[in-house]
């Protein structure tokens, strides 16, 4: 399992996960969801509830996000 830090104050940002490469995320405060898009290789994306400890899977890799201020 990989872990990424999501900054609550940035509605758009990028992060890098060693096993997947670069991804971009966008927070939608009105729907309390976060959209995560893999930018390396074949693009893949998912939208999940915006909560600390949220889990998602991209290319078979389970990723958990932690919220930071």
PDB file of N, CA and C in Angstrom:
ATOM      1  N   UNK A   1       0.850  -1.180   0.000  1.00  0.00           N
ATOM      2  CA  UNK A   1       0.000   0.000   0.000  1.00  0.00           C
ATOM      3  C   UNK A   1       0.894   1.240   0.000  1.00  0.00           C
ATOM      4  N   UNK A   2       0.519   2.187  -0.844  1.00  0.00           N
ATOM      5  CA  UNK A   2       1.211   3.478  -0.916  1.00  0.00           C
ATOM      6  C   UNK A   2       0.415   4.512  -0.133  1.00  0.00           C
ATOM      7  N   UNK A   3       1.088   5.549   0.327  1.00  0.00           N
ATOM      8  CA  UNK A   3       0.432   6.628   1.069  1.00  0.00           C
ATOM      9  C   UNK A   3       0.859   7.952   0.453  1.00  0.00           C
ATOM     10  N   UNK A   4      -0.121   8.848   0.217  1.00  0.00           N
ATOM     11  CA  UNK A   4       0.195  10.193  -0.253  1.00  0.00           C
ATOM     12  C   UNK A   4      -0.439  11.198   0.690  1.00  0.00           C
ATOM     13  N   UNK A   5       0.161  12.372   0.775  1.00  0.00           N
ATOM     14  CA  UNK A   5      -0.367  13.463   1.599  1.00  0.00           C
ATOM     15  C   UNK A   5      -1.131  14.418   0.695  1.00  0.00           C
ATOM     16  N   UNK A   6      -2.353  14.735   1.092  1.00  0.00           N
ATOM     17  CA  UNK A   6      -3.192  15.674   0.351  1.00  0.00           C
ATOM     18  C   UNK A   6      -3.342  16.936   1.189  1.00  0.00           C
ATOM     19  N   UNK A   7      -2.961  18.068   0.625  1.00  0.00           N
ATOM     20  CA  UNK A   7      -3.060  19.345   1.327  1.00  0.00           C
ATOM     21  C   UNK A   7      -4.479  19.877   1.179  1.00  0.00           C
ATOM     22  N   UNK A   8      -5.190  19.987   2.303  1.00  0.00           N
ATOM     23  CA  UNK A   8      -6.597  20.417   2.270  1.00  0.00           C
ATOM     24  C   UNK A   8      -6.781  21.826   1.724  1.00  0.00           C
ATOM     25  N   UNK A   9      -5.760  22.671   1.858  1.00  0.00           N
ATOM     26  CA  UNK A   9      -5.909  24.061   1.427  1.00  0.00           C
ATOM     27  C   UNK A   9      -5.661  24.260  -0.069  1.00  0.00           C
ATOM     28  N   UNK A  10      -5.140  23.244  -0.746  1.00  0.00           N
ATOM     29  CA  UNK A  10      -4.903  23.338  -2.192  1.00  0.00           C
ATOM     30  C   UNK A  10      -5.964  22.516  -2.910  1.00  0.00           C
ATOM     31  N   UNK A  11      -6.804  23.184  -3.696  1.00  0.00           N
ATOM     32  CA  UNK A  11      -7.850  22.433  -4.396  1.00  0.00           C
ATOM     33  C   UNK A  11      -7.300  21.655  -5.592  1.00  0.00           C
ATOM     34  N   UNK A  12      -6.103  22.025  -6.070  1.00  0.00           N
ATOM     35  CA  UNK A  12      -5.439  21.295  -7.153  1.00  0.00           C
ATOM     36  C   UNK A  12      -3.955  21.191  -6.822  1.00  0.00           C
ATOM     37  N   UNK A  13      -3.409  20.008  -7.037  1.00  0.00           N
ATOM     38  CA  UNK A  13      -1.988  19.824  -6.786  1.00  0.00           C
ATOM     39  C   UNK A  13      -1.542  18.519  -7.445  1.00  0.00           C
ATOM     40  N   UNK A  14      -0.252  18.239  -7.371  1.00  0.00           N
ATOM     41  CA  UNK A  14       0.294  16.996  -7.905  1.00  0.00           C
ATOM     42  C   UNK A  14       1.081  16.277  -6.814  1.00  0.00           C
ATOM     43  N   UNK A  15       1.308  15.011  -7.022  1.00  0.00           N
ATOM     44  CA  UNK A  15       2.104  14.191  -6.112  1.00  0.00           C
ATOM     45  C   UNK A  15       2.753  13.094  -6.932  1.00  0.00           C
ATOM     46  N   UNK A  16       3.772  12.469  -6.368  1.00  0.00           N
ATOM     47  CA  UNK A  16       4.441  11.358  -7.042  1.00  0.00           C
ATOM     48  C   UNK A  16       4.430  10.143  -6.133  1.00  0.00           C
ATOM     49  N   UNK A  17       4.019   9.028  -6.692  1.00  0.00           N
ATOM     50  CA  UNK A  17       4.042   7.753  -5.987  1.00  0.00           C
ATOM     51  C   UNK A  17       5.075   6.898  -6.716  1.00  0.00           C
ATOM     52  N   UNK A  18       6.103   6.416  -6.009  1.00  0.00           N
ATOM     53  CA  UNK A  18       7.185   5.693  -6.681  1.00  0.00           C
ATOM     54  C   UNK A  18       6.729   4.563  -7.612  1.00  0.00           C
ATOM     55  N   UNK A  19       5.744   3.787  -7.196  1.00  0.00           N
ATOM     56  CA  UNK A  19       5.329   2.639  -8.018  1.00  0.00           C
ATOM     57  C   UNK A  19       4.389   3.021  -9.167  1.00  0.00           C
ATOM     58  N   UNK A  20       3.826   4.229  -9.136  1.00  0.00           N
ATOM     59  CA  UNK A  20       2.874   4.644 -10.176  1.00  0.00           C
ATOM     60  C   UNK A  20       3.342   5.835 -11.001  1.00  0.00           C
ATOM     61  N   UNK A  21       4.145   6.696 -10.426  1.00  0.00           N
ATOM     62  CA  UNK A  21       4.568   7.910 -11.109  1.00  0.00           C
ATOM     63  C   UNK A  21       3.767   9.114 -10.628  1.00  0.00           C
ATOM     64  N   UNK A  22       3.667  10.101 -11.500  1.00  0.00           N
ATOM     65  CA  UNK A  22       3.024  11.354 -11.122  1.00  0.00           C
ATOM     66  C   UNK A  22       1.506  11.277 -11.248  1.00  0.00           C
ATOM     67  N   UNK A  23       0.829  11.908 -10.279  1.00  0.00           N
ATOM     68  CA  UNK A  23      -0.620  12.020 -10.359  1.00  0.00           C
ATOM     69  C   UNK A  23      -1.036  13.429  -9.986  1.00  0.00           C
ATOM     70  N   UNK A  24      -2.204  13.811 -10.430  1.00  0.00           N
ATOM     71  CA  UNK A  24      -2.782  15.113 -10.103  1.00  0.00           C
ATOM     72  C   UNK A  24      -4.076  14.869  -9.349  1.00  0.00           C
ATOM     73  N   UNK A  25      -4.381  15.781  -8.433  1.00  0.00           N
ATOM     74  CA  UNK A  25      -5.665  15.659  -7.744  1.00  0.00           C
ATOM     75  C   UNK A  25      -6.382  16.998  -7.719  1.00  0.00           C
ATOM     76  N   UNK A  26      -7.678  16.908  -7.632  1.00  0.00           N
ATOM     77  CA  UNK A  26      -8.530  18.088  -7.540  1.00  0.00           C
ATOM     78  C   UNK A  26      -9.597  17.816  -6.498  1.00  0.00           C
ATOM     79  N   UNK A  27      -9.720  18.738  -5.545  1.00  0.00           N
ATOM     80  CA  UNK A  27     -10.702  18.616  -4.477  1.00  0.00           C
ATOM     81  C   UNK A  27     -11.953  19.393  -4.874  1.00  0.00           C
ATOM     82  N   UNK A  28     -13.114  18.755  -4.711  1.00  0.00           N
ATOM     83  CA  UNK A  28     -14.399  19.391  -4.968  1.00  0.00           C
ATOM     84  C   UNK A  28     -15.112  19.555  -3.629  1.00  0.00           C
ATOM     85  N   UNK A  29     -14.933  20.719  -2.956  1.00  0.00           N
ATOM     86  CA  UNK A  29     -15.507  20.906  -1.623  1.00  0.00           C
ATOM     87  C   UNK A  29     -17.036  20.813  -1.598  1.00  0.00           C
ATOM     88  N   UNK A  30     -17.694  21.246  -2.666  1.00  0.00           N
ATOM     89  CA  UNK A  30     -19.160  21.245  -2.684  1.00  0.00           C
ATOM     90  C   UNK A  30     -19.748  19.830  -2.671  1.00  0.00           C
ATOM     91  N   UNK A  31     -19.046  18.870  -3.273  1.00  0.00           N
ATOM     92  CA  UNK A  31     -19.530  17.481  -3.288  1.00  0.00           C
ATOM     93  C   UNK A  31     -18.749  16.583  -2.336  1.00  0.00           C
ATOM     94  N   UNK A  32     -17.739  17.168  -1.657  1.00  0.00           N
ATOM     95  CA  UNK A  32     -16.889  16.439  -0.715  1.00  0.00           C
ATOM     96  C   UNK A  32     -16.238  15.214  -1.358  1.00  0.00           C
ATOM     97  N   UNK A  33     -15.736  15.422  -2.588  1.00  0.00           N
ATOM     98  CA  UNK A  33     -15.048  14.362  -3.313  1.00  0.00           C
ATOM     99  C   UNK A  33     -13.681  14.868  -3.785  1.00  0.00           C
ATOM    100  N   UNK A  34     -12.823  13.931  -4.096  1.00  0.00           N
ATOM    101  CA  UNK A  34     -11.521  14.259  -4.669  1.00  0.00           C
ATOM    102  C   UNK A  34     -11.336  13.398  -5.918  1.00  0.00           C
ATOM    103  N   UNK A  35     -10.913  14.037  -6.999  1.00  0.00           N
ATOM    104  CA  UNK A  35     -10.647  13.337  -8.248  1.00  0.00           C
ATOM    105  C   UNK A  35      -9.136  13.188  -8.373  1.00  0.00           C
ATOM    106  N   UNK A  36      -8.691  11.969  -8.607  1.00  0.00           N
ATOM    107  CA  UNK A  36      -7.271  11.666  -8.703  1.00  0.00           C
ATOM    108  C   UNK A  36      -7.012  11.110 -10.092  1.00  0.00           C
ATOM    109  N   UNK A  37      -6.036  11.693 -10.786  1.00  0.00           N
ATOM    110  CA  UNK A  37      -5.733  11.290 -12.158  1.00  0.00           C
ATOM    111  C   UNK A  37      -4.265  10.932 -12.269  1.00  0.00           C
ATOM    112  N   UNK A  38      -3.996   9.734 -12.743  1.00  0.00           N
ATOM    113  CA  UNK A  38      -2.636   9.270 -12.969  1.00  0.00           C
ATOM    114  C   UNK A  38      -2.128   9.879 -14.266  1.00  0.00           C
ATOM    115  N   UNK A  39      -0.969  10.514 -14.226  1.00  0.00           N
ATOM    116  CA  UNK A  39      -0.441  11.227 -15.388  1.00  0.00           C
ATOM    117  C   UNK A  39       0.644  10.463 -16.128  1.00  0.00           C
ATOM    118  N   UNK A  40       1.227   9.469 -15.503  1.00  0.00           N
ATOM    119  CA  UNK A  40       2.320   8.709 -16.120  1.00  0.00           C
ATOM    120  C   UNK A  40       1.773   7.511 -16.882  1.00  0.00           C
ATOM    121  N   UNK A  41       2.243   7.323 -18.102  1.00  0.00           N
ATOM    122  CA  UNK A  41       1.792   6.190 -18.900  1.00  0.00           C
ATOM    123  C   UNK A  41       0.344   6.368 -19.330  1.00  0.00           C
ATOM    124  N   UNK A  42      -0.387   5.268 -19.358  1.00  0.00           N
ATOM    125  CA  UNK A  42      -1.798   5.312 -19.716  1.00  0.00           C
ATOM    126  C   UNK A  42      -2.563   6.027 -18.623  1.00  0.00           C
ATOM    127  N   UNK A  43      -3.298   7.073 -18.995  1.00  0.00           N
ATOM    128  CA  UNK A  43      -4.022   7.842 -17.984  1.00  0.00           C
ATOM    129  C   UNK A  43      -5.157   7.023 -17.388  1.00  0.00           C
ATOM    130  N   UNK A  44      -5.312   7.181 -16.098  1.00  0.00           N
ATOM    131  CA  UNK A  44      -6.357   6.497 -15.358  1.00  0.00           C
ATOM    132  C   UNK A  44      -6.788   7.445 -14.248  1.00  0.00           C
ATOM    133  N   UNK A  45      -8.067   7.429 -13.887  1.00  0.00           N
ATOM    134  CA  UNK A  45      -8.526   8.321 -12.832  1.00  0.00           C
ATOM    135  C   UNK A  45      -9.628   7.681 -12.008  1.00  0.00           C
ATOM    136  N   UNK A  46      -9.848   8.275 -10.834  1.00  0.00           N
ATOM    137  CA  UNK A  46     -10.939   7.829  -9.977  1.00  0.00           C
ATOM    138  C   UNK A  46     -11.402   9.011  -9.131  1.00  0.00           C
ATOM    139  N   UNK A  47     -12.624   8.947  -8.668  1.00  0.00           N
ATOM    140  CA  UNK A  47     -13.183   9.960  -7.776  1.00  0.00           C
ATOM    141  C   UNK A  47     -13.652   9.251  -6.520  1.00  0.00           C
ATOM    142  N   UNK A  48     -13.201   9.754  -5.374  1.00  0.00           N
ATOM    143  CA  UNK A  48     -13.503   9.114  -4.095  1.00  0.00           C
ATOM    144  C   UNK A  48     -13.963  10.160  -3.089  1.00  0.00           C
ATOM    145  N   UNK A  49     -14.654   9.739  -2.031  1.00  0.00           N
ATOM    146  CA  UNK A  49     -15.044  10.686  -0.977  1.00  0.00           C
ATOM    147  C   UNK A  49     -13.808  11.340  -0.362  1.00  0.00           C
ATOM    148  N   UNK A  50     -13.930  12.610  -0.051  1.00  0.00           N
ATOM    149  CA  UNK A  50     -12.842  13.414   0.486  1.00  0.00           C
ATOM    150  C   UNK A  50     -12.829  13.286   2.007  1.00  0.00           C
ATOM    151  N   UNK A  51     -12.092  12.277   2.510  1.00  0.00           N
ATOM    152  CA  UNK A  51     -11.984  12.073   3.955  1.00  0.00           C
ATOM    153  C   UNK A  51     -10.610  11.509   4.270  1.00  0.00           C
ATOM    154  N   UNK A  52     -10.109  11.816   5.442  1.00  0.00           N
ATOM    155  CA  UNK A  52      -8.794  11.350   5.851  1.00  0.00           C
ATOM    156  C   UNK A  52      -8.768   9.827   5.881  1.00  0.00           C
ATOM    157  N   UNK A  53      -7.724   9.252   5.317  1.00  0.00           N
ATOM    158  CA  UNK A  53      -7.602   7.799   5.278  1.00  0.00           C
ATOM    159  C   UNK A  53      -8.322   7.153   4.119  1.00  0.00           C
ATOM    160  N   UNK A  54      -8.805   7.965   3.172  1.00  0.00           N
ATOM    161  CA  UNK A  54      -9.515   7.430   2.009  1.00  0.00           C
ATOM    162  C   UNK A  54      -8.633   6.492   1.189  1.00  0.00           C
ATOM    163  N   UNK A  55      -9.234   5.480   0.629  1.00  0.00           N
ATOM    164  CA  UNK A  55      -8.509   4.495  -0.181  1.00  0.00           C
ATOM    165  C   UNK A  55      -8.994   4.530  -1.626  1.00  0.00           C
ATOM    166  N   UNK A  56      -8.053   4.288  -2.540  1.00  0.00           N
ATOM    167  CA  UNK A  56      -8.405   4.124  -3.943  1.00  0.00           C
ATOM    168  C   UNK A  56      -7.387   3.197  -4.575  1.00  0.00           C
ATOM    169  N   UNK A  57      -7.707   2.684  -5.749  1.00  0.00           N
ATOM    170  CA  UNK A  57      -6.818   1.755  -6.450  1.00  0.00           C
ATOM    171  C   UNK A  57      -6.592   2.265  -7.870  1.00  0.00           C
ATOM    172  N   UNK A  58      -5.332   2.369  -8.254  1.00  0.00           N
ATOM    173  CA  UNK A  58      -4.950   2.716  -9.618  1.00  0.00           C
ATOM    174  C   UNK A  58      -3.943   1.674 -10.089  1.00  0.00           C
ATOM    175  N   UNK A  59      -4.183   1.107 -11.257  1.00  0.00           N
ATOM    176  CA  UNK A  59      -3.303   0.079 -11.834  1.00  0.00           C
ATOM    177  C   UNK A  59      -3.006  -1.050 -10.844  1.00  0.00           C
ATOM    178  N   UNK A  60      -4.008  -1.390 -10.061  1.00  0.00           N
ATOM    179  CA  UNK A  60      -3.867  -2.493  -9.122  1.00  0.00           C
ATOM    180  C   UNK A  60      -3.092  -2.165  -7.856  1.00  0.00           C
ATOM    181  N   UNK A  61      -2.700  -0.907  -7.685  1.00  0.00           N
ATOM    182  CA  UNK A  61      -1.961  -0.487  -6.492  1.00  0.00           C
ATOM    183  C   UNK A  61      -2.928   0.239  -5.561  1.00  0.00           C
ATOM    184  N   UNK A  62      -3.027  -0.226  -4.323  1.00  0.00           N
ATOM    185  CA  UNK A  62      -3.890   0.415  -3.333  1.00  0.00           C
ATOM    186  C   UNK A  62      -3.155   1.622  -2.753  1.00  0.00           C
ATOM    187  N   UNK A  63      -3.844   2.760  -2.748  1.00  0.00           N
ATOM    188  CA  UNK A  63      -3.254   4.004  -2.270  1.00  0.00           C
ATOM    189  C   UNK A  63      -4.181   4.597  -1.206  1.00  0.00           C
ATOM    190  N   UNK A  64      -3.572   5.051  -0.113  1.00  0.00           N
ATOM    191  CA  UNK A  64      -4.334   5.712   0.951  1.00  0.00           C
ATOM    192  C   UNK A  64      -3.865   7.153   1.014  1.00  0.00           C
ATOM    193  N   UNK A  65      -4.793   8.089   1.185  1.00  0.00           N
ATOM    194  CA  UNK A  65      -4.363   9.465   1.329  1.00  0.00           C
ATOM    195  C   UNK A  65      -4.600   9.978   2.740  1.00  0.00           C
ATOM    196  N   UNK A  66      -3.658  10.820   3.175  1.00  0.00           N
ATOM    197  CA  UNK A  66      -3.724  11.454   4.481  1.00  0.00           C
ATOM    198  C   UNK A  66      -3.876  12.944   4.268  1.00  0.00           C
ATOM    199  N   UNK A  67      -4.774  13.554   5.011  1.00  0.00           N
ATOM    200  CA  UNK A  67      -5.029  14.979   4.880  1.00  0.00           C
ATOM    201  C   UNK A  67      -4.045  15.766   5.743  1.00  0.00           C
ATOM    202  N   UNK A  68      -3.471  16.826   5.172  1.00  0.00           N
ATOM    203  CA  UNK A  68      -2.616  17.736   5.933  1.00  0.00           C
ATOM    204  C   UNK A  68      -3.145  19.142   5.760  1.00  0.00           C
ATOM    205  N   UNK A  69      -2.836  20.012   6.721  1.00  0.00           N
ATOM    206  CA  UNK A  69      -3.296  21.413   6.650  1.00  0.00           C
ATOM    207  C   UNK A  69      -2.354  22.266   5.867  1.00  0.00           C
TER     208      UNK A  69
END
